[in-house]
C-alpha atoms as a PDB file:
ATOM      1  CA  MET A   1       2.279 -13.221   2.388  1.00  0.00           C
ATOM      2  CA  GLU A   2       2.959  -9.993   4.254  1.00  0.00           C
ATOM      3  CA  THR A   3       1.155  -9.063   7.446  1.00  0.00           C
ATOM      4  CA  VAL A   4       0.295  -5.387   7.339  1.00  0.00           C
ATOM      5  CA  PHE A   5      -0.602  -3.331  10.394  1.00  0.00           C
ATOM      6  CA  THR A   6       0.189   0.223   9.233  1.00  0.00           C
ATOM      7  CA  ALA A   7       0.212   2.336   6.090  1.00  0.00           C
ATOM      8  CA  ARG A   8       4.007   2.185   6.249  1.00  0.00           C
ATOM      9  CA  ASP A   9       3.868  -1.636   6.249  1.00  0.00           C
ATOM     10  CA  LEU A  10       1.595  -1.624   3.199  1.00  0.00           C
ATOM     11  CA  GLY A  11       3.845   0.846   1.397  1.00  0.00           C
ATOM     12  CA  ALA A  12       6.894  -1.302   2.147  1.00  0.00           C
ATOM     13  CA  ALA A  13       5.122  -4.391   0.803  1.00  0.00           C
ATOM     14  CA  VAL A  14       4.264  -2.534  -2.401  1.00  0.00           C
ATOM     15  CA  ARG A  15       7.848  -1.302  -2.770  1.00  0.00           C
ATOM     16  CA  GLN A  16       9.144  -4.840  -2.253  1.00  0.00           C
ATOM     17  CA  ARG A  17       6.796  -6.208  -4.928  1.00  0.00           C
ATOM     18  CA  ARG A  18       7.628  -3.367  -7.362  1.00  0.00           C
ATOM     19  CA  GLU A  19      11.347  -4.010  -6.955  1.00  0.00           C
ATOM     20  CA  ALA A  20      10.876  -7.800  -7.284  1.00  0.00           C
ATOM     21  CA  LEU A  21       9.155  -7.148 -10.620  1.00  0.00           C
ATOM     22  CA  GLY A  22      12.021  -4.893 -11.707  1.00  0.00           C
ATOM     23  CA  LEU A  23       9.783  -1.835 -12.024  1.00  0.00           C
ATOM     24  CA  THR A  24      10.791   1.731 -11.348  1.00  0.00           C
ATOM     25  CA  GLN A  25       8.461   4.053  -9.481  1.00  0.00           C
ATOM     26  CA  ARG A  26       7.817   5.799 -12.813  1.00  0.00           C
ATOM     27  CA  ALA A  27       6.914   2.516 -14.544  1.00  0.00           C
ATOM     28  CA  LEU A  28       4.482   1.606 -11.750  1.00  0.00           C
ATOM     29  CA  ALA A  29       2.978   5.083 -11.827  1.00  0.00           C
ATOM     30  CA  ASP A  30       2.459   4.831 -15.592  1.00  0.00           C
ATOM     31  CA  ALA A  31       0.922   1.351 -15.303  1.00  0.00           C
ATOM     32  CA  ALA A  32      -1.445   2.513 -12.552  1.00  0.00           C
ATOM     33  CA  GLY A  33      -2.267   5.868 -14.146  1.00  0.00           C
ATOM     34  CA  VAL A  34      -1.016   7.875 -11.169  1.00  0.00           C
ATOM     35  CA  SER A  35       1.879  10.260 -10.629  1.00  0.00           C
ATOM     36  CA  ARG A  36       5.315   9.125  -9.525  1.00  0.00           C
ATOM     37  CA  GLU A  37       4.818  11.352  -6.480  1.00  0.00           C
ATOM     38  CA  THR A  38       1.776   9.249  -5.529  1.00  0.00           C
ATOM     39  CA  VAL A  39       3.867   6.066  -5.695  1.00  0.00           C
ATOM     40  CA  LEU A  40       6.639   7.722  -3.692  1.00  0.00           C
ATOM     41  CA  ALA A  41       4.220   8.937  -0.995  1.00  0.00           C
ATOM     42  CA  PHE A  42       2.435   5.590  -0.795  1.00  0.00           C
ATOM     43  CA  GLU A  43       5.642   3.577  -0.497  1.00  0.00           C
ATOM     44  CA  ALA A  44       6.744   5.901   2.307  1.00  0.00           C
ATOM     45  CA  GLY A  45       3.437   5.437   4.173  1.00  0.00           C
ATOM     46  CA  LYS A  46       2.606   9.130   3.868  1.00  0.00           C
ATOM     47  CA  ALA A  47      -0.839  10.652   4.328  1.00  0.00           C
ATOM     48  CA  GLY A  48      -2.771  11.846   1.318  1.00  0.00           C
ATOM     49  CA  VAL A  49      -2.969   8.763  -0.894  1.00  0.00           C
ATOM     50  CA  SER A  50      -6.641   7.975  -1.481  1.00  0.00           C
ATOM     51  CA  LEU A  51      -7.959   4.507  -0.840  1.00  0.00           C
ATOM     52  CA  GLY A  52      -8.989   4.285  -4.483  1.00  0.00           C
ATOM     53  CA  ARG A  53      -5.398   4.904  -5.566  1.00  0.00           C
ATOM     54  CA  VAL A  54      -4.183   2.292  -3.087  1.00  0.00           C
ATOM     55  CA  PHE A  55      -6.307  -0.325  -4.830  1.00  0.00           C
ATOM     56  CA  THR A  56      -5.216   0.938  -8.260  1.00  0.00           C
ATOM     57  CA  LEU A  57      -1.570   0.483  -7.283  1.00  0.00           C
ATOM     58  CA  LEU A  58      -2.213  -2.957  -5.798  1.00  0.00           C
ATOM     59  CA  SER A  59      -4.012  -4.002  -8.976  1.00  0.00           C
ATOM     60  CA  ALA A  60      -1.167  -2.765 -11.190  1.00  0.00           C
ATOM     61  CA  LEU A  61       1.174  -5.045  -9.212  1.00  0.00           C
ATOM     62  CA  HIS A  62      -1.280  -7.973  -9.316  1.00  0.00           C
ATOM     63  CA  LEU A  63      -1.654  -7.825  -5.538  1.00  0.00           C
ATOM     64  CA  ALA A  64      -4.817  -8.343  -3.519  1.00  0.00           C
ATOM     65  CA  LEU A  65      -5.725  -7.153  -0.063  1.00  0.00           C
ATOM     66  CA  HIS A  66      -7.041  -9.851   2.271  1.00  0.00           C
ATOM     67  CA  VAL A  67      -8.646  -8.813   5.545  1.00  0.00           C
ATOM     68  CA  ALA A  68      -8.442 -11.209   8.484  1.00  0.00           C
ATOM     69  CA  ASP A  69      -9.032 -11.104  12.204  1.00  0.00           C
ATOM     70  CA  ALA A  70      -5.929 -10.410  14.243  1.00  0.00           C
ATOM     71  CA  PRO A  71      -4.904 -13.218  16.611  1.00  0.00           C
ATOM     72  CA  ASP A  72      -6.637 -13.150  20.012  1.00  0.00           C
ATOM     73  CA  GLY A  73      -4.990 -10.821  22.461  1.00  0.00           C
ATOM     74  CA  ASP A  74      -3.282  -8.881  19.682  1.00  0.00           C
ATOM     75  CA  ASP A  75      -3.399  -5.146  20.345  1.00  0.00           C
ATOM     76  CA  SER A  76      -2.378  -4.404  16.762  1.00  0.00           C
ATOM     77  CA  THR A  77      -3.576  -1.435  14.811  1.00  0.00           C
ATOM     78  CA  THR A  78      -7.041  -1.839  13.290  1.00  0.00           C
ATOM     79  CA  LEU A  79      -7.731  -1.676   9.557  1.00  0.00           C
ATOM     80  CA  ASP A  80      -9.369   1.710  10.105  1.00  0.00           C
ATOM     81  CA  ASP A  81      -6.121   2.950  11.645  1.00  0.00           C
ATOM     82  CA  VAL A  82      -4.110   1.621   8.709  1.00  0.00           C
ATOM     83  CA  PHE A  83      -6.104   3.607   6.180  1.00  0.00           C
ATOM     84  CA  ALA A  84      -6.883   6.695   8.279  1.00  0.00           C
ATOM     85  CA  ASP A  85      -3.735   8.551   7.248  1.00  0.00           C
ATOM     86  CA  LEU A  86      -4.104   7.532   3.607  1.00  0.00           C
ATOM     87  CA  ASP A  87      -7.524   9.160   3.217  1.00  0.00           C
ATOM     88  CA  ARG A  88      -6.641  12.596   4.550  1.00  0.00           C
END
């Protein structure tokens, strides 16, 4: 299981899963009903990918998002920070 602290981390995890399944960005885009550009932007951790599309892509890859408390004393990025750039 991947630990995700940023949009870039989440995009990298999606890219890793897509590649492990042998899918191209186009094949994932078609399966999720989004453009290839959306997949490209999301995998790169770019701003502009809506939260709804994030969940659509995760679903197409049979991935789930689990939210957990960060370990005590961890100054990691919050979940709000992770998704802030994606919803612009």
